[in-house]
Amino acid sequence: MGKLTTHVLDTSKGKPGSEIEVTLFRVSGHSLEHVVTTMTNLDGRTDEPLLEGTNFLKGKYQLQFNTAGYFHKTGVTLSDIPFLDDVVIRFGIDNPSAHFHVPLLVSPYSFSTYRGS
């Protein structure tokens, strides 16, 4: 069975992005269906896969990371309207028997992602 995992790296500090709220949605047309909300651990990873087993279905998904909240907690000074408040990543799952890993590399002014393993 496949699964979906994630982790966050704070590239401005070269450390894991810990205690970041992560929300996963299933995308259906213009609607979002909430799947799970969790937090990253001290290693910047979630303690459990975001999706697995019978809930791991083909389709379009959206991950939302509360990065401004994280940077505020770590003492980074952000403007009243942060450049990156929530980072949103939309992606597709085409093979429910595969492992999809969607990491986030983030700083207060940039982010990137890729399909990891």
PDB file of N, CA and C in Angstrom:
ATOM      1  N   MET A   1       0.830  -1.196   0.000  1.00  0.00           N
ATOM      2  CA  MET A   1       0.000   0.000   0.000  1.00  0.00           C
ATOM      3  C   MET A   1       0.865   1.247   0.000  1.00  0.00           C
ATOM      4  N   GLY A   2       0.387   2.264  -0.654  1.00  0.00           N
ATOM      5  CA  GLY A   2       1.118   3.512  -0.723  1.00  0.00           C
ATOM      6  C   GLY A   2       0.860   4.401   0.468  1.00  0.00           C
ATOM      7  N   LYS A   3       1.588   5.509   0.484  1.00  0.00           N
ATOM      8  CA  LYS A   3       1.401   6.483   1.558  1.00  0.00           C
ATOM      9  C   LYS A   3       1.908   7.839   1.105  1.00  0.00           C
ATOM     10  N   LEU A   4       1.468   8.872   1.843  1.00  0.00           N
ATOM     11  CA  LEU A   4       1.892  10.247   1.604  1.00  0.00           C
ATOM     12  C   LEU A   4       2.575  10.752   2.865  1.00  0.00           C
ATOM     13  N   THR A   5       3.799  11.264   2.706  1.00  0.00           N
ATOM     14  CA  THR A   5       4.549  11.833   3.818  1.00  0.00           C
ATOM     15  C   THR A   5       5.088  13.201   3.423  1.00  0.00           C
ATOM     16  N   THR A   6       5.551  13.944   4.421  1.00  0.00           N
ATOM     17  CA  THR A   6       6.138  15.260   4.176  1.00  0.00           C
ATOM     18  C   THR A   6       7.179  15.553   5.251  1.00  0.00           C
ATOM     19  N   HIS A   7       7.993  16.525   4.991  1.00  0.00           N
ATOM     20  CA  HIS A   7       8.861  17.109   6.012  1.00  0.00           C
ATOM     21  C   HIS A   7       9.168  18.538   5.609  1.00  0.00           C
ATOM     22  N   VAL A   8       9.627  19.329   6.582  1.00  0.00           N
ATOM     23  CA  VAL A   8       9.933  20.742   6.345  1.00  0.00           C
ATOM     24  C   VAL A   8      11.362  21.025   6.785  1.00  0.00           C
ATOM     25  N   LEU A   9      12.099  21.723   5.927  1.00  0.00           N
ATOM     26  CA  LEU A   9      13.445  22.184   6.249  1.00  0.00           C
ATOM     27  C   LEU A   9      13.452  23.706   6.194  1.00  0.00           C
ATOM     28  N   ASP A  10      13.861  24.334   7.277  1.00  0.00           N
ATOM     29  CA  ASP A  10      14.027  25.788   7.337  1.00  0.00           C
ATOM     30  C   ASP A  10      15.392  26.094   6.732  1.00  0.00           C
ATOM     31  N   THR A  11      15.409  26.519   5.472  1.00  0.00           N
ATOM     32  CA  THR A  11      16.677  26.742   4.779  1.00  0.00           C
ATOM     33  C   THR A  11      17.406  27.989   5.268  1.00  0.00           C
ATOM     34  N   SER A  12      16.695  28.883   5.956  1.00  0.00           N
ATOM     35  CA  SER A  12      17.370  30.077   6.483  1.00  0.00           C
ATOM     36  C   SER A  12      18.218  29.742   7.707  1.00  0.00           C
ATOM     37  N   LYS A  13      17.900  28.639   8.365  1.00  0.00           N
ATOM     38  CA  LYS A  13      18.657  28.220   9.550  1.00  0.00           C
ATOM     39  C   LYS A  13      19.398  26.904   9.331  1.00  0.00           C
ATOM     40  N   GLY A  14      19.069  26.197   8.253  1.00  0.00           N
ATOM     41  CA  GLY A  14      19.676  24.897   8.004  1.00  0.00           C
ATOM     42  C   GLY A  14      19.232  23.858   9.021  1.00  0.00           C
ATOM     43  N   LYS A  15      17.972  23.977   9.492  1.00  0.00           N
ATOM     44  CA  LYS A  15      17.444  23.083  10.522  1.00  0.00           C
ATOM     45  C   LYS A  15      16.050  22.597  10.125  1.00  0.00           C
ATOM     46  N   PRO A  16      15.607  21.514  10.747  1.00  0.00           N
ATOM     47  CA  PRO A  16      14.231  21.073  10.502  1.00  0.00           C
ATOM     48  C   PRO A  16      13.230  22.150  10.926  1.00  0.00           C
ATOM     49  N   GLY A  17      12.141  22.241  10.213  1.00  0.00           N
ATOM     50  CA  GLY A  17      11.045  23.147  10.567  1.00  0.00           C
ATOM     51  C   GLY A  17      10.121  22.435  11.539  1.00  0.00           C
ATOM     52  N   SER A  18      10.327  22.657  12.820  1.00  0.00           N
ATOM     53  CA  SER A  18       9.557  21.943  13.837  1.00  0.00           C
ATOM     54  C   SER A  18       8.322  22.730  14.260  1.00  0.00           C
ATOM     55  N   GLU A  19       7.318  21.998  14.692  1.00  0.00           N
ATOM     56  CA  GLU A  19       6.056  22.558  15.195  1.00  0.00           C
ATOM     57  C   GLU A  19       5.374  23.467  14.175  1.00  0.00           C
ATOM     58  N   ILE A  20       5.348  23.019  12.931  1.00  0.00           N
ATOM     59  CA  ILE A  20       4.636  23.728  11.863  1.00  0.00           C
ATOM     60  C   ILE A  20       3.320  23.004  11.622  1.00  0.00           C
ATOM     61  N   GLU A  21       2.240  23.765  11.627  1.00  0.00           N
ATOM     62  CA  GLU A  21       0.938  23.175  11.342  1.00  0.00           C
ATOM     63  C   GLU A  21       0.849  22.834   9.854  1.00  0.00           C
ATOM     64  N   VAL A  22       0.437  21.596   9.569  1.00  0.00           N
ATOM     65  CA  VAL A  22       0.305  21.101   8.200  1.00  0.00           C
ATOM     66  C   VAL A  22      -1.116  20.586   8.022  1.00  0.00           C
ATOM     67  N   THR A  23      -1.799  21.056   6.968  1.00  0.00           N
ATOM     68  CA  THR A  23      -3.154  20.601   6.682  1.00  0.00           C
ATOM     69  C   THR A  23      -3.187  20.020   5.282  1.00  0.00           C
ATOM     70  N   LEU A  24      -3.816  18.864   5.155  1.00  0.00           N
ATOM     71  CA  LEU A  24      -3.986  18.206   3.866  1.00  0.00           C
ATOM     72  C   LEU A  24      -5.442  18.264   3.462  1.00  0.00           C
ATOM     73  N   PHE A  25      -5.678  18.642   2.189  1.00  0.00           N
ATOM     74  CA  PHE A  25      -7.016  18.674   1.607  1.00  0.00           C
ATOM     75  C   PHE A  25      -7.043  17.801   0.360  1.00  0.00           C
ATOM     76  N   ARG A  26      -8.170  17.205   0.082  1.00  0.00           N
ATOM     77  CA  ARG A  26      -8.437  16.550  -1.199  1.00  0.00           C
ATOM     78  C   ARG A  26      -9.143  17.597  -2.053  1.00  0.00           C
ATOM     79  N   VAL A  27      -8.700  17.803  -3.286  1.00  0.00           N
ATOM     80  CA  VAL A  27      -9.249  18.822  -4.175  1.00  0.00           C
ATOM     81  C   VAL A  27     -10.244  18.175  -5.113  1.00  0.00           C
ATOM     82  N   SER A  28     -11.452  18.742  -5.148  1.00  0.00           N
ATOM     83  CA  SER A  28     -12.494  18.254  -6.049  1.00  0.00           C
ATOM     84  C   SER A  28     -13.107  19.459  -6.749  1.00  0.00           C
ATOM     85  N   GLY A  29     -12.709  19.685  -8.003  1.00  0.00           N
ATOM     86  CA  GLY A  29     -13.158  20.884  -8.710  1.00  0.00           C
ATOM     87  C   GLY A  29     -12.640  22.117  -8.008  1.00  0.00           C
ATOM     88  N   HIS A  30     -13.575  22.972  -7.534  1.00  0.00           N
ATOM     89  CA  HIS A  30     -13.190  24.178  -6.801  1.00  0.00           C
ATOM     90  C   HIS A  30     -13.347  23.995  -5.293  1.00  0.00           C
ATOM     91  N   SER A  31     -13.631  22.778  -4.869  1.00  0.00           N
ATOM     92  CA  SER A  31     -13.864  22.506  -3.447  1.00  0.00           C
ATOM     93  C   SER A  31     -12.670  21.805  -2.810  1.00  0.00           C
ATOM     94  N   LEU A  32     -12.487  22.075  -1.515  1.00  0.00           N
ATOM     95  CA  LEU A  32     -11.450  21.425  -0.733  1.00  0.00           C
ATOM     96  C   LEU A  32     -12.119  20.597   0.358  1.00  0.00           C
ATOM     97  N   GLU A  33     -11.732  19.338   0.455  1.00  0.00           N
ATOM     98  CA  GLU A  33     -12.231  18.458   1.504  1.00  0.00           C
ATOM     99  C   GLU A  33     -11.093  18.244   2.508  1.00  0.00           C
ATOM    100  N   HIS A  34     -11.310  18.670   3.746  1.00  0.00           N
ATOM    101  CA  HIS A  34     -10.288  18.521   4.779  1.00  0.00           C
ATOM    102  C   HIS A  34     -10.029  17.041   5.028  1.00  0.00           C
ATOM    103  N   VAL A  35      -8.757  16.652   5.032  1.00  0.00           N
ATOM    104  CA  VAL A  35      -8.372  15.263   5.305  1.00  0.00           C
ATOM    105  C   VAL A  35      -7.758  15.151   6.688  1.00  0.00           C
ATOM    106  N   VAL A  36      -6.753  15.977   6.973  1.00  0.00           N
ATOM    107  CA  VAL A  36      -6.070  15.895   8.262  1.00  0.00           C
ATOM    108  C   VAL A  36      -5.311  17.193   8.524  1.00  0.00           C
ATOM    109  N   THR A  37      -5.207  17.552   9.796  1.00  0.00           N
ATOM    110  CA  THR A  37      -4.334  18.634  10.239  1.00  0.00           C
ATOM    111  C   THR A  37      -3.424  18.052  11.309  1.00  0.00           C
ATOM    112  N   THR A  38      -2.136  18.330  11.197  1.00  0.00           N
ATOM    113  CA  THR A  38      -1.158  17.791  12.133  1.00  0.00           C
ATOM    114  C   THR A  38      -0.033  18.800  12.306  1.00  0.00           C
ATOM    115  N   MET A  39       0.956  18.455  13.097  1.00  0.00           N
ATOM    116  CA  MET A  39       2.114  19.314  13.324  1.00  0.00           C
ATOM    117  C   MET A  39       3.382  18.537  12.991  1.00  0.00           C
ATOM    118  N   THR A  40       4.396  19.255  12.549  1.00  0.00           N
ATOM    119  CA  THR A  40       5.690  18.606  12.361  1.00  0.00           C
ATOM    120  C   THR A  40       6.347  18.425  13.729  1.00  0.00           C
ATOM    121  N   ASN A  41       7.157  17.393  13.837  1.00  0.00           N
ATOM    122  CA  ASN A  41       7.863  17.110  15.088  1.00  0.00           C
ATOM    123  C   ASN A  41       9.213  17.842  15.111  1.00  0.00           C
ATOM    124  N   LEU A  42      10.051  17.529  16.078  1.00  0.00           N
ATOM    125  CA  LEU A  42      11.339  18.222  16.202  1.00  0.00           C
ATOM    126  C   LEU A  42      12.270  17.956  15.029  1.00  0.00           C
ATOM    127  N   ASP A  43      12.004  16.877  14.274  1.00  0.00           N
ATOM    128  CA  ASP A  43      12.800  16.550  13.090  1.00  0.00           C
ATOM    129  C   ASP A  43      12.182  17.138  11.819  1.00  0.00           C
ATOM    130  N   GLY A  44      11.117  17.948  11.955  1.00  0.00           N
ATOM    131  CA  GLY A  44      10.463  18.574  10.811  1.00  0.00           C
ATOM    132  C   GLY A  44       9.553  17.632  10.042  1.00  0.00           C
ATOM    133  N   ARG A  45       9.270  16.464  10.603  1.00  0.00           N
ATOM    134  CA  ARG A  45       8.421  15.458   9.946  1.00  0.00           C
ATOM    135  C   ARG A  45       7.136  15.273  10.732  1.00  0.00           C
ATOM    136  N   THR A  46       6.126  14.725  10.080  1.00  0.00           N
ATOM    137  CA  THR A  46       4.924  14.364  10.812  1.00  0.00           C
ATOM    138  C   THR A  46       5.141  12.984  11.428  1.00  0.00           C
ATOM    139  N   ASP A  47       4.530  12.747  12.565  1.00  0.00           N
ATOM    140  CA  ASP A  47       4.731  11.474  13.261  1.00  0.00           C
ATOM    141  C   ASP A  47       4.127  10.291  12.506  1.00  0.00           C
ATOM    142  N   GLU A  48       3.093  10.542  11.739  1.00  0.00           N
ATOM    143  CA  GLU A  48       2.405   9.502  10.964  1.00  0.00           C
ATOM    144  C   GLU A  48       2.296   9.958   9.513  1.00  0.00           C
ATOM    145  N   PRO A  49       2.149   9.029   8.569  1.00  0.00           N
ATOM    146  CA  PRO A  49       1.855   9.445   7.190  1.00  0.00           C
ATOM    147  C   PRO A  49       0.570  10.275   7.152  1.00  0.00           C
ATOM    148  N   LEU A  50       0.496  11.205   6.225  1.00  0.00           N
ATOM    149  CA  LEU A  50      -0.704  12.029   6.076  1.00  0.00           C
ATOM    150  C   LEU A  50      -1.848  11.227   5.463  1.00  0.00           C
ATOM    151  N   LEU A  51      -1.499  10.292   4.617  1.00  0.00           N
ATOM    152  CA  LEU A  51      -2.473   9.390   3.988  1.00  0.00           C
ATOM    153  C   LEU A  51      -1.831   8.030   3.850  1.00  0.00           C
ATOM    154  N   GLU A  52      -2.639   6.981   4.031  1.00  0.00           N
ATOM    155  CA  GLU A  52      -2.165   5.624   3.773  1.00  0.00           C
ATOM    156  C   GLU A  52      -3.360   4.687   3.772  1.00  0.00           C
ATOM    157  N   GLY A  53      -3.121   3.477   3.345  1.00  0.00           N
ATOM    158  CA  GLY A  53      -4.163   2.460   3.349  1.00  0.00           C
ATOM    159  C   GLY A  53      -5.305   2.788   2.419  1.00  0.00           C
ATOM    160  N   THR A  54      -6.526   2.507   2.871  1.00  0.00           N
ATOM    161  CA  THR A  54      -7.707   2.702   2.024  1.00  0.00           C
ATOM    162  C   THR A  54      -8.022   4.169   1.780  1.00  0.00           C
ATOM    163  N   ASN A  55      -7.470   5.086   2.582  1.00  0.00           N
ATOM    164  CA  ASN A  55      -7.672   6.523   2.371  1.00  0.00           C
ATOM    165  C   ASN A  55      -6.737   7.104   1.319  1.00  0.00           C
ATOM    166  N   PHE A  56      -5.751   6.321   0.902  1.00  0.00           N
ATOM    167  CA  PHE A  56      -4.763   6.795  -0.071  1.00  0.00           C
ATOM    168  C   PHE A  56      -5.311   6.541  -1.472  1.00  0.00           C
ATOM    169  N   LEU A  57      -5.924   7.565  -2.050  1.00  0.00           N
ATOM    170  CA  LEU A  57      -6.626   7.452  -3.324  1.00  0.00           C
ATOM    171  C   LEU A  57      -5.984   8.313  -4.395  1.00  0.00           C
ATOM    172  N   LYS A  58      -6.186   7.908  -5.658  1.00  0.00           N
ATOM    173  CA  LYS A  58      -5.774   8.768  -6.768  1.00  0.00           C
ATOM    174  C   LYS A  58      -6.514  10.091  -6.671  1.00  0.00           C
ATOM    175  N   GLY A  59      -5.861  11.152  -7.169  1.00  0.00           N
ATOM    176  CA  GLY A  59      -6.546  12.438  -7.200  1.00  0.00           C
ATOM    177  C   GLY A  59      -5.612  13.599  -6.975  1.00  0.00           C
ATOM    178  N   LYS A  60      -6.226  14.776  -6.887  1.00  0.00           N
ATOM    179  CA  LYS A  60      -5.493  16.021  -6.655  1.00  0.00           C
ATOM    180  C   LYS A  60      -5.592  16.367  -5.179  1.00  0.00           C
ATOM    181  N   TYR A  61      -4.470  16.824  -4.610  1.00  0.00           N
ATOM    182  CA  TYR A  61      -4.388  17.148  -3.192  1.00  0.00           C
ATOM    183  C   TYR A  61      -3.729  18.505  -2.997  1.00  0.00           C
ATOM    184  N   GLN A  62      -3.929  19.053  -1.808  1.00  0.00           N
ATOM    185  CA  GLN A  62      -3.308  20.327  -1.451  1.00  0.00           C
ATOM    186  C   GLN A  62      -2.755  20.222  -0.039  1.00  0.00           C
ATOM    187  N   LEU A  63      -1.483  20.541   0.100  1.00  0.00           N
ATOM    188  CA  LEU A  63      -0.847  20.660   1.406  1.00  0.00           C
ATOM    189  C   LEU A  63      -0.728  22.141   1.739  1.00  0.00           C
ATOM    190  N   GLN A  64      -1.057  22.496   2.969  1.00  0.00           N
ATOM    191  CA  GLN A  64      -0.942  23.880   3.424  1.00  0.00           C
ATOM    192  C   GLN A  64      -0.083  23.894   4.685  1.00  0.00           C
ATOM    193  N   PHE A  65       0.988  24.678   4.648  1.00  0.00           N
ATOM    194  CA  PHE A  65       1.936  24.781   5.752  1.00  0.00           C
ATOM    195  C   PHE A  65       1.839  26.182   6.352  1.00  0.00           C
ATOM    196  N   ASN A  66       1.616  26.295   7.658  1.00  0.00           N
ATOM    197  CA  ASN A  66       1.533  27.597   8.318  1.00  0.00           C
ATOM    198  C   ASN A  66       2.943  28.082   8.642  1.00  0.00           C
ATOM    199  N   THR A  67       3.608  28.622   7.635  1.00  0.00           N
ATOM    200  CA  THR A  67       5.007  29.011   7.793  1.00  0.00           C
ATOM    201  C   THR A  67       5.184  30.325   8.543  1.00  0.00           C
ATOM    202  N   ALA A  68       4.281  31.281   8.363  1.00  0.00           N
ATOM    203  CA  ALA A  68       4.423  32.556   9.083  1.00  0.00           C
ATOM    204  C   ALA A  68       4.319  32.314  10.583  1.00  0.00           C
ATOM    205  N   GLY A  69       3.407  31.463  11.012  1.00  0.00           N
ATOM    206  CA  GLY A  69       3.290  31.130  12.431  1.00  0.00           C
ATOM    207  C   GLY A  69       4.579  30.537  12.967  1.00  0.00           C
ATOM    208  N   TYR A  70       5.189  29.659  12.166  1.00  0.00           N
ATOM    209  CA  TYR A  70       6.462  29.052  12.555  1.00  0.00           C
ATOM    210  C   TYR A  70       7.554  30.118  12.686  1.00  0.00           C
ATOM    211  N   PHE A  71       7.690  30.981  11.686  1.00  0.00           N
ATOM    212  CA  PHE A  71       8.757  31.993  11.738  1.00  0.00           C
ATOM    213  C   PHE A  71       8.536  32.975  12.897  1.00  0.00           C
ATOM    214  N   HIS A  72       7.278  33.331  13.168  1.00  0.00           N
ATOM    215  CA  HIS A  72       6.996  34.179  14.334  1.00  0.00           C
ATOM    216  C   HIS A  72       7.487  33.500  15.614  1.00  0.00           C
ATOM    217  N   LYS A  73       7.171  32.197  15.779  1.00  0.00           N
ATOM    218  CA  LYS A  73       7.575  31.459  16.986  1.00  0.00           C
ATOM    219  C   LYS A  73       9.086  31.370  17.138  1.00  0.00           C
ATOM    220  N   THR A  74       9.813  31.388  16.004  1.00  0.00           N
ATOM    221  CA  THR A  74      11.272  31.267  16.088  1.00  0.00           C
ATOM    222  C   THR A  74      11.964  32.625  16.210  1.00  0.00           C
ATOM    223  N   GLY A  75      11.183  33.705  16.308  1.00  0.00           N
ATOM    224  CA  GLY A  75      11.760  35.024  16.538  1.00  0.00           C
ATOM    225  C   GLY A  75      12.082  35.815  15.286  1.00  0.00           C
ATOM    226  N   VAL A  76      11.677  35.332  14.131  1.00  0.00           N
ATOM    227  CA  VAL A  76      11.916  36.070  12.885  1.00  0.00           C
ATOM    228  C   VAL A  76      10.923  37.233  12.814  1.00  0.00           C
ATOM    229  N   THR A  77      11.416  38.408  12.527  1.00  0.00           N
ATOM    230  CA  THR A  77      10.556  39.578  12.379  1.00  0.00           C
ATOM    231  C   THR A  77       9.964  39.587  10.974  1.00  0.00           C
ATOM    232  N   LEU A  78       8.641  39.521  10.922  1.00  0.00           N
ATOM    233  CA  LEU A  78       7.923  39.560   9.647  1.00  0.00           C
ATOM    234  C   LEU A  78       7.048  40.805   9.619  1.00  0.00           C
ATOM    235  N   SER A  79       6.726  41.274   8.423  1.00  0.00           N
ATOM    236  CA  SER A  79       5.838  42.432   8.319  1.00  0.00           C
ATOM    237  C   SER A  79       4.421  42.025   8.728  1.00  0.00           C
ATOM    238  N   ASP A  80       3.541  43.019   8.865  1.00  0.00           N
ATOM    239  CA  ASP A  80       2.144  42.741   9.218  1.00  0.00           C
ATOM    240  C   ASP A  80       1.481  41.831   8.196  1.00  0.00           C
ATOM    241  N   ILE A  81       1.920  41.943   6.963  1.00  0.00           N
ATOM    242  CA  ILE A  81       1.448  41.057   5.895  1.00  0.00           C
ATOM    243  C   ILE A  81       2.682  40.312   5.389  1.00  0.00           C
ATOM    244  N   PRO A  82       2.961  39.111   5.944  1.00  0.00           N
ATOM    245  CA  PRO A  82       4.169  38.385   5.555  1.00  0.00           C
ATOM    246  C   PRO A  82       4.161  38.023   4.072  1.00  0.00           C
ATOM    247  N   PHE A  83       5.345  38.012   3.495  1.00  0.00           N
ATOM    248  CA  PHE A  83       5.463  37.601   2.096  1.00  0.00           C
ATOM    249  C   PHE A  83       4.935  36.182   1.922  1.00  0.00           C
ATOM    250  N   LEU A  84       5.350  35.261   2.788  1.00  0.00           N
ATOM    251  CA  LEU A  84       4.831  33.891   2.791  1.00  0.00           C
ATOM    252  C   LEU A  84       4.112  33.665   4.106  1.00  0.00           C
ATOM    253  N   ASP A  85       2.796  33.603   4.043  1.00  0.00           N
ATOM    254  CA  ASP A  85       2.004  33.337   5.235  1.00  0.00           C
ATOM    255  C   ASP A  85       1.787  31.828   5.332  1.00  0.00           C
ATOM    256  N   ASP A  86       0.929  31.307   4.500  1.00  0.00           N
ATOM    257  CA  ASP A  86       0.761  29.864   4.349  1.00  0.00           C
ATOM    258  C   ASP A  86       1.346  29.467   3.008  1.00  0.00           C
ATOM    259  N   VAL A  87       2.147  28.425   2.989  1.00  0.00           N
ATOM    260  CA  VAL A  87       2.657  27.889   1.732  1.00  0.00           C
ATOM    261  C   VAL A  87       1.713  26.769   1.312  1.00  0.00           C
ATOM    262  N   VAL A  88       1.214  26.870   0.087  1.00  0.00           N
ATOM    263  CA  VAL A  88       0.261  25.896  -0.445  1.00  0.00           C
ATOM    264  C   VAL A  88       0.904  25.164  -1.608  1.00  0.00           C
ATOM    265  N   ILE A  89       0.837  23.845  -1.556  1.00  0.00           N
ATOM    266  CA  ILE A  89       1.377  23.009  -2.630  1.00  0.00           C
ATOM    267  C   ILE A  89       0.265  22.101  -3.128  1.00  0.00           C
ATOM    268  N   ARG A  90      -0.061  22.206  -4.417  1.00  0.00           N
ATOM    269  CA  ARG A  90      -1.042  21.310  -5.037  1.00  0.00           C
ATOM    270  C   ARG A  90      -0.291  20.292  -5.870  1.00  0.00           C
ATOM    271  N   PHE A  91      -0.726  19.048  -5.779  1.00  0.00           N
ATOM    272  CA  PHE A  91      -0.039  17.965  -6.486  1.00  0.00           C
ATOM    273  C   PHE A  91      -1.029  16.836  -6.737  1.00  0.00           C
ATOM    274  N   GLY A  92      -0.643  15.945  -7.621  1.00  0.00           N
ATOM    275  CA  GLY A  92      -1.503  14.817  -7.957  1.00  0.00           C
ATOM    276  C   GLY A  92      -0.897  13.491  -7.534  1.00  0.00           C
ATOM    277  N   ILE A  93      -1.767  12.579  -7.142  1.00  0.00           N
ATOM    278  CA  ILE A  93      -1.379  11.201  -6.844  1.00  0.00           C
ATOM    279  C   ILE A  93      -1.999  10.326  -7.915  1.00  0.00           C
ATOM    280  N   ASP A  94      -1.149   9.690  -8.711  1.00  0.00           N
ATOM    281  CA  ASP A  94      -1.641   8.866  -9.811  1.00  0.00           C
ATOM    282  C   ASP A  94      -1.475   7.373  -9.561  1.00  0.00           C
ATOM    283  N   ASN A  95      -0.787   7.010  -8.483  1.00  0.00           N
ATOM    284  CA  ASN A  95      -0.532   5.596  -8.213  1.00  0.00           C
ATOM    285  C   ASN A  95      -0.681   5.347  -6.707  1.00  0.00           C
ATOM    286  N   PRO A  96      -1.839   4.846  -6.271  1.00  0.00           N
ATOM    287  CA  PRO A  96      -2.058   4.670  -4.836  1.00  0.00           C
ATOM    288  C   PRO A  96      -1.248   3.545  -4.193  1.00  0.00           C
ATOM    289  N   SER A  97      -0.410   2.878  -4.955  1.00  0.00           N
ATOM    290  CA  SER A  97       0.454   1.866  -4.340  1.00  0.00           C
ATOM    291  C   SER A  97       1.886   2.388  -4.146  1.00  0.00           C
ATOM    292  N   ALA A  98       2.135   3.640  -4.538  1.00  0.00           N
ATOM    293  CA  ALA A  98       3.475   4.229  -4.435  1.00  0.00           C
ATOM    294  C   ALA A  98       3.602   5.083  -3.172  1.00  0.00           C
ATOM    295  N   HIS A  99       4.837   5.384  -2.807  1.00  0.00           N
ATOM    296  CA  HIS A  99       5.116   6.310  -1.708  1.00  0.00           C
ATOM    297  C   HIS A  99       5.326   7.695  -2.316  1.00  0.00           C
ATOM    298  N   PHE A 100       4.504   8.648  -1.934  1.00  0.00           N
ATOM    299  CA  PHE A 100       4.651  10.033  -2.359  1.00  0.00           C
ATOM    300  C   PHE A 100       5.164  10.825  -1.164  1.00  0.00           C
ATOM    301  N   HIS A 101       6.327  11.446  -1.318  1.00  0.00           N
ATOM    302  CA  HIS A 101       6.910  12.278  -0.267  1.00  0.00           C
ATOM    303  C   HIS A 101       7.014  13.689  -0.826  1.00  0.00           C
ATOM    304  N   VAL A 102       6.384  14.657  -0.156  1.00  0.00           N
ATOM    305  CA  VAL A 102       6.349  16.043  -0.624  1.00  0.00           C
ATOM    306  C   VAL A 102       7.018  16.928   0.427  1.00  0.00           C
ATOM    307  N   PRO A 103       8.320  17.157   0.303  1.00  0.00           N
ATOM    308  CA  PRO A 103       9.021  18.004   1.257  1.00  0.00           C
ATOM    309  C   PRO A 103       8.861  19.491   0.935  1.00  0.00           C
ATOM    310  N   LEU A 104       9.018  20.307   1.962  1.00  0.00           N
ATOM    311  CA  LEU A 104       8.993  21.759   1.804  1.00  0.00           C
ATOM    312  C   LEU A 104      10.308  22.312   2.325  1.00  0.00           C
ATOM    313  N   LEU A 105      11.016  23.036   1.481  1.00  0.00           N
ATOM    314  CA  LEU A 105      12.207  23.787   1.878  1.00  0.00           C
ATOM    315  C   LEU A 105      11.782  25.245   1.898  1.00  0.00           C
ATOM    316  N   VAL A 106      11.922  25.909   3.051  1.00  0.00           N
ATOM    317  CA  VAL A 106      11.306  27.226   3.200  1.00  0.00           C
ATOM    318  C   VAL A 106      12.192  28.188   3.982  1.00  0.00           C
ATOM    319  N   SER A 107      12.091  29.457   3.603  1.00  0.00           N
ATOM    320  CA  SER A 107      12.660  30.575   4.353  1.00  0.00           C
ATOM    321  C   SER A 107      11.562  31.643   4.380  1.00  0.00           C
ATOM    322  N   PRO A 108      11.762  32.753   5.077  1.00  0.00           N
ATOM    323  CA  PRO A 108      10.701  33.762   5.101  1.00  0.00           C
ATOM    324  C   PRO A 108      10.344  34.347   3.728  1.00  0.00           C
ATOM    325  N   TYR A 109      11.241  34.201   2.730  1.00  0.00           N
ATOM    326  CA  TYR A 109      10.987  34.828   1.433  1.00  0.00           C
ATOM    327  C   TYR A 109      11.076  33.886   0.239  1.00  0.00           C
ATOM    328  N   SER A 110      11.173  32.574   0.498  1.00  0.00           N
ATOM    329  CA  SER A 110      11.215  31.642  -0.632  1.00  0.00           C
ATOM    330  C   SER A 110      10.855  30.242  -0.158  1.00  0.00           C
ATOM    331  N   PHE A 111      10.447  29.417  -1.136  1.00  0.00           N
ATOM    332  CA  PHE A 111      10.215  28.008  -0.837  1.00  0.00           C
ATOM    333  C   PHE A 111      10.395  27.197  -2.103  1.00  0.00           C
ATOM    334  N   SER A 112      10.631  25.902  -1.915  1.00  0.00           N
ATOM    335  CA  SER A 112      10.668  24.972  -3.046  1.00  0.00           C
ATOM    336  C   SER A 112      10.206  23.616  -2.542  1.00  0.00           C
ATOM    337  N   THR A 113       9.865  22.770  -3.499  1.00  0.00           N
ATOM    338  CA  THR A 113       9.411  21.423  -3.194  1.00  0.00           C
ATOM    339  C   THR A 113       9.821  20.499  -4.332  1.00  0.00           C
ATOM    340  N   TYR A 114       9.653  19.234  -4.134  1.00  0.00           N
ATOM    341  CA  TYR A 114       9.945  18.235  -5.156  1.00  0.00           C
ATOM    342  C   TYR A 114       9.267  16.940  -4.727  1.00  0.00           C
ATOM    343  N   ARG A 115       9.203  15.982  -5.631  1.00  0.00           N
ATOM    344  CA  ARG A 115       8.692  14.672  -5.241  1.00  0.00           C
ATOM    345  C   ARG A 115       9.867  13.864  -4.740  1.00  0.00           C
ATOM    346  N   GLY A 116       9.861  13.627  -3.456  1.00  0.00           N
ATOM    347  CA  GLY A 116      10.932  12.865  -2.827  1.00  0.00           C
ATOM    348  C   GLY A 116      10.600  11.394  -2.766  1.00  0.00           C
ATOM    349  N   SER A 117      11.407  10.673  -2.053  1.00  0.00           N
ATOM    350  CA  SER A 117      11.181   9.230  -1.915  1.00  0.00           C
ATOM    351  C   SER A 117      11.225   8.827  -0.452  1.00  0.00           C
TER     352      SER A 117
END
